Structures are given as C-alpha cells and as structure tokens.
Amino acid sequence: MYPITSLIVTYNNLAEIGDLLTDLGIHGMDSPVVVIDNASQDGSADLISSQFPHVQLVRNKDNVGFARAVNQGARLCKTAFILLLNPDIRITEGKVIPEM
C-alpha cells in the first residue's frame, strides 16, 4: 500500500491540470491520485480521463465548492496521508512550487 495519495480539486483549470499530473508521474510520485472536478466547463475532466487513466476522477454535476470537494476526495483516499495540491502547482526535482 502507498503511504500517500495526491488529492486535487479542479474547476476550469485546463491550462494547468495536465502539467501537474504529468509532473506527478515524471518526478516519481508513483502513488494514487484523486481529482475532484467541480463541474468544469473547459474540458478539464475530459483531458484527465483521456490522458491520465490511472487517476481516480470524480466529475461533480455542480460546483460544490473547494472545502466540500476536498472532503469528498478525502473520503476516497485509502492512505494514511493526503497531499492536497492546487492545479497550478508544479513539481520539479522533488520540490513543490506554485506557478507564478
């Protein structure tokens, strides 16, 4: 079992979410990933489901808000620890940095 799950809440973050999910794979974060999509209208959820099939994706029919979506995702995590990431985060050489 993995010790940590990466949890991401997204809403219309098409420009960022693919980069973050790629970073998680490239930089050795070989652990479960849960993404809660808060009814994005920009194709974010479609990109995740087509390009990142290993990601557990939940498509909310309505935008339930950040905190509620975090709790929704946390209930799906089966690990002792959760790494909560915003979609605009970049992971480089073992460091987590916000995109500026």
PDB file of N, CA and C in Angstrom:
ATOM      1  N   MET A   1       0.838  -1.185   0.000  1.00  0.00           N
ATOM      2  CA  MET A   1       0.000   0.000   0.000  1.00  0.00           C
ATOM      3  C   MET A   1       0.884   1.250   0.000  1.00  0.00           C
ATOM      4  N   TYR A   2       0.432   2.253  -0.719  1.00  0.00           N
ATOM      5  CA  TYR A   2       1.165   3.517  -0.784  1.00  0.00           C
ATOM      6  C   TYR A   2       0.907   4.330   0.483  1.00  0.00           C
ATOM      7  N   PRO A   3       1.890   5.110   0.922  1.00  0.00           N
ATOM      8  CA  PRO A   3       1.704   5.889   2.144  1.00  0.00           C
ATOM      9  C   PRO A   3       0.954   7.202   1.941  1.00  0.00           C
ATOM     10  N   ILE A   4       0.813   7.666   0.671  1.00  0.00           N
ATOM     11  CA  ILE A   4       0.232   8.989   0.435  1.00  0.00           C
ATOM     12  C   ILE A   4      -0.598   8.989  -0.844  1.00  0.00           C
ATOM     13  N   THR A   5      -1.679   9.768  -0.822  1.00  0.00           N
ATOM     14  CA  THR A   5      -2.498   9.997  -2.007  1.00  0.00           C
ATOM     15  C   THR A   5      -2.466  11.479  -2.322  1.00  0.00           C
ATOM     16  N   SER A   6      -2.261  11.821  -3.590  1.00  0.00           N
ATOM     17  CA  SER A   6      -2.343  13.211  -4.024  1.00  0.00           C
ATOM     18  C   SER A   6      -3.798  13.524  -4.337  1.00  0.00           C
ATOM     19  N   LEU A   7      -4.317  14.580  -3.744  1.00  0.00           N
ATOM     20  CA  LEU A   7      -5.706  14.995  -3.934  1.00  0.00           C
ATOM     21  C   LEU A   7      -5.717  16.383  -4.557  1.00  0.00           C
ATOM     22  N   ILE A   8      -6.455  16.511  -5.662  1.00  0.00           N
ATOM     23  CA  ILE A   8      -6.527  17.775  -6.399  1.00  0.00           C
ATOM     24  C   ILE A   8      -7.991  18.101  -6.632  1.00  0.00           C
ATOM     25  N   VAL A   9      -8.373  19.341  -6.346  1.00  0.00           N
ATOM     26  CA  VAL A   9      -9.703  19.839  -6.683  1.00  0.00           C
ATOM     27  C   VAL A   9      -9.514  20.813  -7.838  1.00  0.00           C
ATOM     28  N   THR A  10     -10.295  20.605  -8.894  1.00  0.00           N
ATOM     29  CA  THR A  10     -10.146  21.451 -10.065  1.00  0.00           C
ATOM     30  C   THR A  10     -11.481  22.036 -10.495  1.00  0.00           C
ATOM     31  N   TYR A  11     -11.426  23.244 -11.008  1.00  0.00           N
ATOM     32  CA  TYR A  11     -12.570  23.904 -11.616  1.00  0.00           C
ATOM     33  C   TYR A  11     -12.047  24.791 -12.737  1.00  0.00           C
ATOM     34  N   ASN A  12     -12.307  24.381 -13.965  1.00  0.00           N
ATOM     35  CA  ASN A  12     -11.869  25.126 -15.149  1.00  0.00           C
ATOM     36  C   ASN A  12     -10.373  25.417 -15.129  1.00  0.00           C
ATOM     37  N   ASN A  13      -9.575  24.392 -14.885  1.00  0.00           N
ATOM     38  CA  ASN A  13      -8.120  24.520 -14.841  1.00  0.00           C
ATOM     39  C   ASN A  13      -7.442  23.755 -15.976  1.00  0.00           C
ATOM     40  N   LEU A  14      -8.035  23.756 -17.145  1.00  0.00           N
ATOM     41  CA  LEU A  14      -7.494  23.015 -18.277  1.00  0.00           C
ATOM     42  C   LEU A  14      -6.038  23.366 -18.556  1.00  0.00           C
ATOM     43  N   ALA A  15      -5.683  24.631 -18.444  1.00  0.00           N
ATOM     44  CA  ALA A  15      -4.324  25.066 -18.760  1.00  0.00           C
ATOM     45  C   ALA A  15      -3.282  24.533 -17.780  1.00  0.00           C
ATOM     46  N   GLU A  16      -3.679  24.164 -16.561  1.00  0.00           N
ATOM     47  CA  GLU A  16      -2.713  23.745 -15.544  1.00  0.00           C
ATOM     48  C   GLU A  16      -2.756  22.270 -15.176  1.00  0.00           C
ATOM     49  N   ILE A  17      -3.923  21.656 -15.174  1.00  0.00           N
ATOM     50  CA  ILE A  17      -4.069  20.324 -14.586  1.00  0.00           C
ATOM     51  C   ILE A  17      -3.226  19.269 -15.284  1.00  0.00           C
ATOM     52  N   GLY A  18      -3.119  19.329 -16.584  1.00  0.00           N
ATOM     53  CA  GLY A  18      -2.310  18.346 -17.311  1.00  0.00           C
ATOM     54  C   GLY A  18      -0.849  18.412 -16.929  1.00  0.00           C
ATOM     55  N   ASP A  19      -0.336  19.627 -16.757  1.00  0.00           N
ATOM     56  CA  ASP A  19       1.069  19.788 -16.359  1.00  0.00           C
ATOM     57  C   ASP A  19       1.323  19.204 -14.976  1.00  0.00           C
ATOM     58  N   LEU A  20       0.411  19.461 -14.040  1.00  0.00           N
ATOM     59  CA  LEU A  20       0.589  18.926 -12.692  1.00  0.00           C
ATOM     60  C   LEU A  20       0.557  17.403 -12.700  1.00  0.00           C
ATOM     61  N   LEU A  21      -0.410  16.816 -13.389  1.00  0.00           N
ATOM     62  CA  LEU A  21      -0.496  15.356 -13.420  1.00  0.00           C
ATOM     63  C   LEU A  21       0.713  14.739 -14.103  1.00  0.00           C
ATOM     64  N   THR A  22       1.226  15.401 -15.114  1.00  0.00           N
ATOM     65  CA  THR A  22       2.459  14.937 -15.763  1.00  0.00           C
ATOM     66  C   THR A  22       3.624  15.020 -14.785  1.00  0.00           C
ATOM     67  N   ASP A  23       3.730  16.138 -14.072  1.00  0.00           N
ATOM     68  CA  ASP A  23       4.795  16.300 -13.071  1.00  0.00           C
ATOM     69  C   ASP A  23       4.755  15.193 -12.026  1.00  0.00           C
ATOM     70  N   LEU A  24       3.567  14.844 -11.567  1.00  0.00           N
ATOM     71  CA  LEU A  24       3.454  13.794 -10.555  1.00  0.00           C
ATOM     72  C   LEU A  24       4.046  12.483 -11.055  1.00  0.00           C
ATOM     73  N   GLY A  25       3.839  12.173 -12.312  1.00  0.00           N
ATOM     74  CA  GLY A  25       4.379  10.941 -12.884  1.00  0.00           C
ATOM     75  C   GLY A  25       5.858  11.025 -13.177  1.00  0.00           C
ATOM     76  N   ILE A  26       6.302  12.141 -13.714  1.00  0.00           N
ATOM     77  CA  ILE A  26       7.702  12.303 -14.114  1.00  0.00           C
ATOM     78  C   ILE A  26       8.635  12.327 -12.913  1.00  0.00           C
ATOM     79  N   HIS A  27       8.206  12.931 -11.843  1.00  0.00           N
ATOM     80  CA  HIS A  27       9.092  13.140 -10.701  1.00  0.00           C
ATOM     81  C   HIS A  27       8.893  12.117  -9.593  1.00  0.00           C
ATOM     82  N   GLY A  28       8.466  10.929  -9.973  1.00  0.00           N
ATOM     83  CA  GLY A  28       8.487   9.812  -9.041  1.00  0.00           C
ATOM     84  C   GLY A  28       7.374   9.748  -8.032  1.00  0.00           C
ATOM     85  N   MET A  29       6.329  10.502  -8.212  1.00  0.00           N
ATOM     86  CA  MET A  29       5.199  10.425  -7.283  1.00  0.00           C
ATOM     87  C   MET A  29       4.311   9.269  -7.728  1.00  0.00           C
ATOM     88  N   ASP A  30       4.840   8.072  -7.608  1.00  0.00           N
ATOM     89  CA  ASP A  30       4.128   6.878  -8.045  1.00  0.00           C
ATOM     90  C   ASP A  30       3.183   6.416  -6.943  1.00  0.00           C
ATOM     91  N   SER A  31       2.136   7.206  -6.736  1.00  0.00           N
ATOM     92  CA  SER A  31       1.158   6.906  -5.701  1.00  0.00           C
ATOM     93  C   SER A  31      -0.221   7.283  -6.235  1.00  0.00           C
ATOM     94  N   PRO A  32      -1.270   6.887  -5.549  1.00  0.00           N
ATOM     95  CA  PRO A  32      -2.618   7.189  -6.039  1.00  0.00           C
ATOM     96  C   PRO A  32      -2.867   8.692  -6.176  1.00  0.00           C
ATOM     97  N   VAL A  33      -3.687   9.029  -7.171  1.00  0.00           N
ATOM     98  CA  VAL A  33      -4.087  10.417  -7.407  1.00  0.00           C
ATOM     99  C   VAL A  33      -5.600  10.447  -7.528  1.00  0.00           C
ATOM    100  N   VAL A  34      -6.223  11.345  -6.762  1.00  0.00           N
ATOM    101  CA  VAL A  34      -7.668  11.560  -6.823  1.00  0.00           C
ATOM    102  C   VAL A  34      -7.890  13.000  -7.262  1.00  0.00           C
ATOM    103  N   VAL A  35      -8.722  13.172  -8.292  1.00  0.00           N
ATOM    104  CA  VAL A  35      -9.086  14.515  -8.750  1.00  0.00           C
ATOM    105  C   VAL A  35     -10.597  14.659  -8.646  1.00  0.00           C
ATOM    106  N   ILE A  36     -11.015  15.718  -7.965  1.00  0.00           N
ATOM    107  CA  ILE A  36     -12.429  16.073  -7.899  1.00  0.00           C
ATOM    108  C   ILE A  36     -12.617  17.264  -8.829  1.00  0.00           C
ATOM    109  N   ASP A  37     -13.406  17.064  -9.883  1.00  0.00           N
ATOM    110  CA  ASP A  37     -13.686  18.138 -10.828  1.00  0.00           C
ATOM    111  C   ASP A  37     -15.039  18.754 -10.465  1.00  0.00           C
ATOM    112  N   ASN A  38     -15.016  20.044 -10.179  1.00  0.00           N
ATOM    113  CA  ASN A  38     -16.207  20.765  -9.727  1.00  0.00           C
ATOM    114  C   ASN A  38     -17.004  21.327 -10.905  1.00  0.00           C
ATOM    115  N   ALA A  39     -17.446  20.448 -11.800  1.00  0.00           N
ATOM    116  CA  ALA A  39     -18.304  20.827 -12.933  1.00  0.00           C
ATOM    117  C   ALA A  39     -17.620  21.793 -13.892  1.00  0.00           C
ATOM    118  N   SER A  40     -16.360  21.523 -14.198  1.00  0.00           N
ATOM    119  CA  SER A  40     -15.634  22.362 -15.151  1.00  0.00           C
ATOM    120  C   SER A  40     -16.333  22.375 -16.503  1.00  0.00           C
ATOM    121  N   GLN A  41     -16.258  23.497 -17.167  1.00  0.00           N
ATOM    122  CA  GLN A  41     -16.854  23.666 -18.494  1.00  0.00           C
ATOM    123  C   GLN A  41     -15.793  23.817 -19.579  1.00  0.00           C
ATOM    124  N   ASP A  42     -14.512  23.660 -19.220  1.00  0.00           N
ATOM    125  CA  ASP A  42     -13.430  23.910 -20.180  1.00  0.00           C
ATOM    126  C   ASP A  42     -12.752  22.647 -20.698  1.00  0.00           C
ATOM    127  N   GLY A  43     -13.283  21.487 -20.389  1.00  0.00           N
ATOM    128  CA  GLY A  43     -12.691  20.240 -20.865  1.00  0.00           C
ATOM    129  C   GLY A  43     -11.663  19.634 -19.932  1.00  0.00           C
ATOM    130  N   SER A  44     -11.501  20.180 -18.744  1.00  0.00           N
ATOM    131  CA  SER A  44     -10.527  19.656 -17.775  1.00  0.00           C
ATOM    132  C   SER A  44     -10.751  18.174 -17.491  1.00  0.00           C
ATOM    133  N   ALA A  45     -11.989  17.813 -17.181  1.00  0.00           N
ATOM    134  CA  ALA A  45     -12.291  16.422 -16.833  1.00  0.00           C
ATOM    135  C   ALA A  45     -12.062  15.491 -18.022  1.00  0.00           C
ATOM    136  N   ASP A  46     -12.398  15.936 -19.220  1.00  0.00           N
ATOM    137  CA  ASP A  46     -12.174  15.116 -20.414  1.00  0.00           C
ATOM    138  C   ASP A  46     -10.685  14.870 -20.641  1.00  0.00           C
ATOM    139  N   LEU A  47      -9.856  15.895 -20.432  1.00  0.00           N
ATOM    140  CA  LEU A  47      -8.407  15.743 -20.561  1.00  0.00           C
ATOM    141  C   LEU A  47      -7.888  14.722 -19.555  1.00  0.00           C
ATOM    142  N   ILE A  48      -8.338  14.822 -18.322  1.00  0.00           N
ATOM    143  CA  ILE A  48      -7.876  13.903 -17.274  1.00  0.00           C
ATOM    144  C   ILE A  48      -8.259  12.473 -17.625  1.00  0.00           C
ATOM    145  N   SER A  49      -9.508  12.258 -17.998  1.00  0.00           N
ATOM    146  CA  SER A  49      -9.948  10.885 -18.272  1.00  0.00           C
ATOM    147  C   SER A  49      -9.281  10.297 -19.505  1.00  0.00           C
ATOM    148  N   SER A  50      -8.951  11.114 -20.484  1.00  0.00           N
ATOM    149  CA  SER A  50      -8.341  10.579 -21.707  1.00  0.00           C
ATOM    150  C   SER A  50      -6.831  10.419 -21.611  1.00  0.00           C
ATOM    151  N   GLN A  51      -6.148  11.327 -20.926  1.00  0.00           N
ATOM    152  CA  GLN A  51      -4.679  11.296 -20.898  1.00  0.00           C
ATOM    153  C   GLN A  51      -4.088  10.724 -19.615  1.00  0.00           C
ATOM    154  N   PHE A  52      -4.889  10.609 -18.574  1.00  0.00           N
ATOM    155  CA  PHE A  52      -4.393  10.126 -17.286  1.00  0.00           C
ATOM    156  C   PHE A  52      -5.347   9.075 -16.723  1.00  0.00           C
ATOM    157  N   PRO A  53      -5.434   7.918 -17.371  1.00  0.00           N
ATOM    158  CA  PRO A  53      -6.409   6.904 -16.957  1.00  0.00           C
ATOM    159  C   PRO A  53      -6.161   6.323 -15.566  1.00  0.00           C
ATOM    160  N   HIS A  54      -4.953   6.481 -15.035  1.00  0.00           N
ATOM    161  CA  HIS A  54      -4.640   5.976 -13.700  1.00  0.00           C
ATOM    162  C   HIS A  54      -5.210   6.859 -12.585  1.00  0.00           C
ATOM    163  N   VAL A  55      -5.651   8.058 -12.938  1.00  0.00           N
ATOM    164  CA  VAL A  55      -6.183   8.999 -11.960  1.00  0.00           C
ATOM    165  C   VAL A  55      -7.635   8.640 -11.645  1.00  0.00           C
ATOM    166  N   GLN A  56      -7.965   8.639 -10.360  1.00  0.00           N
ATOM    167  CA  GLN A  56      -9.358   8.438  -9.952  1.00  0.00           C
ATOM    168  C   GLN A  56     -10.055   9.786 -10.063  1.00  0.00           C
ATOM    169  N   LEU A  57     -10.917   9.907 -11.048  1.00  0.00           N
ATOM    170  CA  LEU A  57     -11.592  11.169 -11.350  1.00  0.00           C
ATOM    171  C   LEU A  57     -13.054  11.107 -10.926  1.00  0.00           C
ATOM    172  N   VAL A  58     -13.475  12.141 -10.193  1.00  0.00           N
ATOM    173  CA  VAL A  58     -14.887  12.296  -9.841  1.00  0.00           C
ATOM    174  C   VAL A  58     -15.368  13.571 -10.520  1.00  0.00           C
ATOM    175  N   ARG A  59     -16.409  13.429 -11.322  1.00  0.00           N
ATOM    176  CA  ARG A  59     -16.995  14.579 -12.021  1.00  0.00           C
ATOM    177  C   ARG A  59     -18.256  15.017 -11.282  1.00  0.00           C
ATOM    178  N   ASN A  60     -18.149  16.126 -10.561  1.00  0.00           N
ATOM    179  CA  ASN A  60     -19.332  16.660  -9.895  1.00  0.00           C
ATOM    180  C   ASN A  60     -20.239  17.324 -10.920  1.00  0.00           C
ATOM    181  N   LYS A  61     -21.546  17.162 -10.749  1.00  0.00           N
ATOM    182  CA  LYS A  61     -22.511  17.783 -11.667  1.00  0.00           C
ATOM    183  C   LYS A  61     -22.636  19.276 -11.411  1.00  0.00           C
ATOM    184  N   ASP A  62     -22.324  19.696 -10.191  1.00  0.00           N
ATOM    185  CA  ASP A  62     -22.375  21.106  -9.807  1.00  0.00           C
ATOM    186  C   ASP A  62     -21.073  21.461  -9.097  1.00  0.00           C
ATOM    187  N   ASN A  63     -20.753  22.743  -9.089  1.00  0.00           N
ATOM    188  CA  ASN A  63     -19.603  23.220  -8.333  1.00  0.00           C
ATOM    189  C   ASN A  63     -20.009  23.259  -6.868  1.00  0.00           C
ATOM    190  N   VAL A  64     -19.486  22.299  -6.099  1.00  0.00           N
ATOM    191  CA  VAL A  64     -19.866  22.190  -4.685  1.00  0.00           C
ATOM    192  C   VAL A  64     -18.968  23.015  -3.772  1.00  0.00           C
ATOM    193  N   GLY A  65     -17.986  23.695  -4.348  1.00  0.00           N
ATOM    194  CA  GLY A  65     -17.064  24.499  -3.561  1.00  0.00           C
ATOM    195  C   GLY A  65     -15.816  23.712  -3.191  1.00  0.00           C
ATOM    196  N   PHE A  66     -14.777  24.445  -2.851  1.00  0.00           N
ATOM    197  CA  PHE A  66     -13.479  23.827  -2.590  1.00  0.00           C
ATOM    198  C   PHE A  66     -13.504  22.918  -1.364  1.00  0.00           C
ATOM    199  N   ALA A  67     -13.955  23.428  -0.244  1.00  0.00           N
ATOM    200  CA  ALA A  67     -13.899  22.651   1.005  1.00  0.00           C
ATOM    201  C   ALA A  67     -14.722  21.362   0.914  1.00  0.00           C
ATOM    202  N   ARG A  68     -15.896  21.462   0.361  1.00  0.00           N
ATOM    203  CA  ARG A  68     -16.735  20.263   0.232  1.00  0.00           C
ATOM    204  C   ARG A  68     -16.093  19.254  -0.719  1.00  0.00           C
ATOM    205  N   ALA A  69     -15.490  19.738  -1.803  1.00  0.00           N
ATOM    206  CA  ALA A  69     -14.814  18.842  -2.744  1.00  0.00           C
ATOM    207  C   ALA A  69     -13.594  18.178  -2.103  1.00  0.00           C
ATOM    208  N   VAL A  70     -12.868  18.903  -1.259  1.00  0.00           N
ATOM    209  CA  VAL A  70     -11.735  18.312  -0.540  1.00  0.00           C
ATOM    210  C   VAL A  70     -12.232  17.187   0.363  1.00  0.00           C
ATOM    211  N   ASN A  71     -13.288  17.428   1.102  1.00  0.00           N
ATOM    212  CA  ASN A  71     -13.842  16.384   1.968  1.00  0.00           C
ATOM    213  C   ASN A  71     -14.337  15.189   1.154  1.00  0.00           C
ATOM    214  N   GLN A  72     -14.944  15.453   0.028  1.00  0.00           N
ATOM    215  CA  GLN A  72     -15.412  14.395  -0.866  1.00  0.00           C
ATOM    216  C   GLN A  72     -14.228  13.537  -1.321  1.00  0.00           C
ATOM    217  N   GLY A  73     -13.144  14.180  -1.723  1.00  0.00           N
ATOM    218  CA  GLY A  73     -11.955  13.456  -2.165  1.00  0.00           C
ATOM    219  C   GLY A  73     -11.268  12.724  -1.031  1.00  0.00           C
ATOM    220  N   ALA A  74     -11.207  13.346   0.130  1.00  0.00           N
ATOM    221  CA  ALA A  74     -10.537  12.720   1.279  1.00  0.00           C
ATOM    222  C   ALA A  74     -11.202  11.400   1.655  1.00  0.00           C
ATOM    223  N   ARG A  75     -12.517  11.331   1.512  1.00  0.00           N
ATOM    224  CA  ARG A  75     -13.223  10.085   1.806  1.00  0.00           C
ATOM    225  C   ARG A  75     -12.826   8.953   0.853  1.00  0.00           C
ATOM    226  N   LEU A  76     -12.329   9.293  -0.324  1.00  0.00           N
ATOM    227  CA  LEU A  76     -11.919   8.284  -1.307  1.00  0.00           C
ATOM    228  C   LEU A  76     -10.484   7.807  -1.103  1.00  0.00           C
ATOM    229  N   CYS A  77      -9.707   8.565  -0.358  1.00  0.00           N
ATOM    230  CA  CYS A  77      -8.291   8.240  -0.163  1.00  0.00           C
ATOM    231  C   CYS A  77      -8.153   7.076   0.823  1.00  0.00           C
ATOM    232  N   LYS A  78      -7.360   6.108   0.451  1.00  0.00           N
ATOM    233  CA  LYS A  78      -7.186   4.897   1.263  1.00  0.00           C
ATOM    234  C   LYS A  78      -5.846   4.883   2.002  1.00  0.00           C
ATOM    235  N   THR A  79      -5.120   5.973   1.940  1.00  0.00           N
ATOM    236  CA  THR A  79      -3.791   6.032   2.539  1.00  0.00           C
ATOM    237  C   THR A  79      -3.819   6.805   3.855  1.00  0.00           C
ATOM    238  N   ALA A  80      -2.742   6.668   4.613  1.00  0.00           N
ATOM    239  CA  ALA A  80      -2.649   7.356   5.898  1.00  0.00           C
ATOM    240  C   ALA A  80      -2.472   8.858   5.737  1.00  0.00           C
ATOM    241  N   PHE A  81      -1.884   9.279   4.606  1.00  0.00           N
ATOM    242  CA  PHE A  81      -1.595  10.693   4.379  1.00  0.00           C
ATOM    243  C   PHE A  81      -2.176  11.145   3.053  1.00  0.00           C
ATOM    244  N   ILE A  82      -2.551  12.435   3.001  1.00  0.00           N
ATOM    245  CA  ILE A  82      -3.083  13.052   1.784  1.00  0.00           C
ATOM    246  C   ILE A  82      -2.258  14.290   1.490  1.00  0.00           C
ATOM    247  N   LEU A  83      -1.796  14.392   0.235  1.00  0.00           N
ATOM    248  CA  LEU A  83      -1.093  15.586  -0.233  1.00  0.00           C
ATOM    249  C   LEU A  83      -2.094  16.398  -1.048  1.00  0.00           C
ATOM    250  N   LEU A  84      -2.563  17.504  -0.487  1.00  0.00           N
ATOM    251  CA  LEU A  84      -3.543  18.352  -1.146  1.00  0.00           C
ATOM    252  C   LEU A  84      -2.807  19.346  -2.042  1.00  0.00           C
ATOM    253  N   LEU A  85      -3.095  19.269  -3.337  1.00  0.00           N
ATOM    254  CA  LEU A  85      -2.413  20.117  -4.315  1.00  0.00           C
ATOM    255  C   LEU A  85      -3.415  20.963  -5.084  1.00  0.00           C
ATOM    256  N   ASN A  86      -3.079  22.211  -5.328  1.00  0.00           N
ATOM    257  CA  ASN A  86      -3.853  23.041  -6.240  1.00  0.00           C
ATOM    258  C   ASN A  86      -3.394  22.742  -7.658  1.00  0.00           C
ATOM    259  N   PRO A  87      -4.253  22.911  -8.654  1.00  0.00           N
ATOM    260  CA  PRO A  87      -3.885  22.567 -10.032  1.00  0.00           C
ATOM    261  C   PRO A  87      -2.724  23.380 -10.601  1.00  0.00           C
ATOM    262  N   ASP A  88      -2.439  24.552 -10.045  1.00  0.00           N
ATOM    263  CA  ASP A  88      -1.365  25.384 -10.596  1.00  0.00           C
ATOM    264  C   ASP A  88       0.002  25.093  -9.974  1.00  0.00           C
ATOM    265  N   ILE A  89       0.098  24.044  -9.178  1.00  0.00           N
ATOM    266  CA  ILE A  89       1.377  23.660  -8.570  1.00  0.00           C
ATOM    267  C   ILE A  89       2.229  22.931  -9.601  1.00  0.00           C
ATOM    268  N   ARG A  90       3.536  23.166  -9.566  1.00  0.00           N
ATOM    269  CA  ARG A  90       4.486  22.428 -10.394  1.00  0.00           C
ATOM    270  C   ARG A  90       5.452  21.700  -9.477  1.00  0.00           C
ATOM    271  N   ILE A  91       5.794  20.484  -9.846  1.00  0.00           N
ATOM    272  CA  ILE A  91       6.739  19.683  -9.073  1.00  0.00           C
ATOM    273  C   ILE A  91       7.983  19.516  -9.924  1.00  0.00           C
ATOM    274  N   THR A  92       9.109  20.006  -9.412  1.00  0.00           N
ATOM    275  CA  THR A  92      10.374  19.913 -10.137  1.00  0.00           C
ATOM    276  C   THR A  92      11.452  19.394  -9.212  1.00  0.00           C
ATOM    277  N   GLU A  93      12.121  18.345  -9.621  1.00  0.00           N
ATOM    278  CA  GLU A  93      13.246  17.771  -8.879  1.00  0.00           C
ATOM    279  C   GLU A  93      12.945  17.621  -7.390  1.00  0.00           C
ATOM    280  N   GLY A  94      11.767  17.076  -7.089  1.00  0.00           N
ATOM    281  CA  GLY A  94      11.411  16.818  -5.704  1.00  0.00           C
ATOM    282  C   GLY A  94      10.900  17.989  -4.929  1.00  0.00           C
ATOM    283  N   LYS A  95      10.715  19.138  -5.599  1.00  0.00           N
ATOM    284  CA  LYS A  95      10.208  20.328  -4.921  1.00  0.00           C
ATOM    285  C   LYS A  95       8.818  20.668  -5.447  1.00  0.00           C
ATOM    286  N   VAL A  96       7.964  21.100  -4.563  1.00  0.00           N
ATOM    287  CA  VAL A  96       6.629  21.538  -4.955  1.00  0.00           C
ATOM    288  C   VAL A  96       6.629  23.046  -4.911  1.00  0.00           C
ATOM    289  N   ILE A  97       6.334  23.691  -6.064  1.00  0.00           N
ATOM    290  CA  ILE A  97       6.355  25.148  -6.134  1.00  0.00           C
ATOM    291  C   ILE A  97       5.103  25.642  -6.851  1.00  0.00           C
ATOM    292  N   PRO A  98       4.553  26.787  -6.424  1.00  0.00           N
ATOM    293  CA  PRO A  98       3.418  27.347  -7.159  1.00  0.00           C
ATOM    294  C   PRO A  98       3.893  27.976  -8.453  1.00  0.00           C
ATOM    295  N   GLU A  99       3.069  27.879  -9.478  1.00  0.00           N
ATOM    296  CA  GLU A  99       3.410  28.509 -10.751  1.00  0.00           C
ATOM    297  C   GLU A  99       3.151  29.987 -10.610  1.00  0.00           C
ATOM    298  N   MET A 100       4.093  30.784 -11.083  1.00  0.00           N
ATOM    299  CA  MET A 100       3.951  32.241 -10.981  1.00  0.00           C
ATOM    300  C   MET A 100       3.842  32.846 -12.348  1.00  0.00           C
TER     301      MET A 100
END
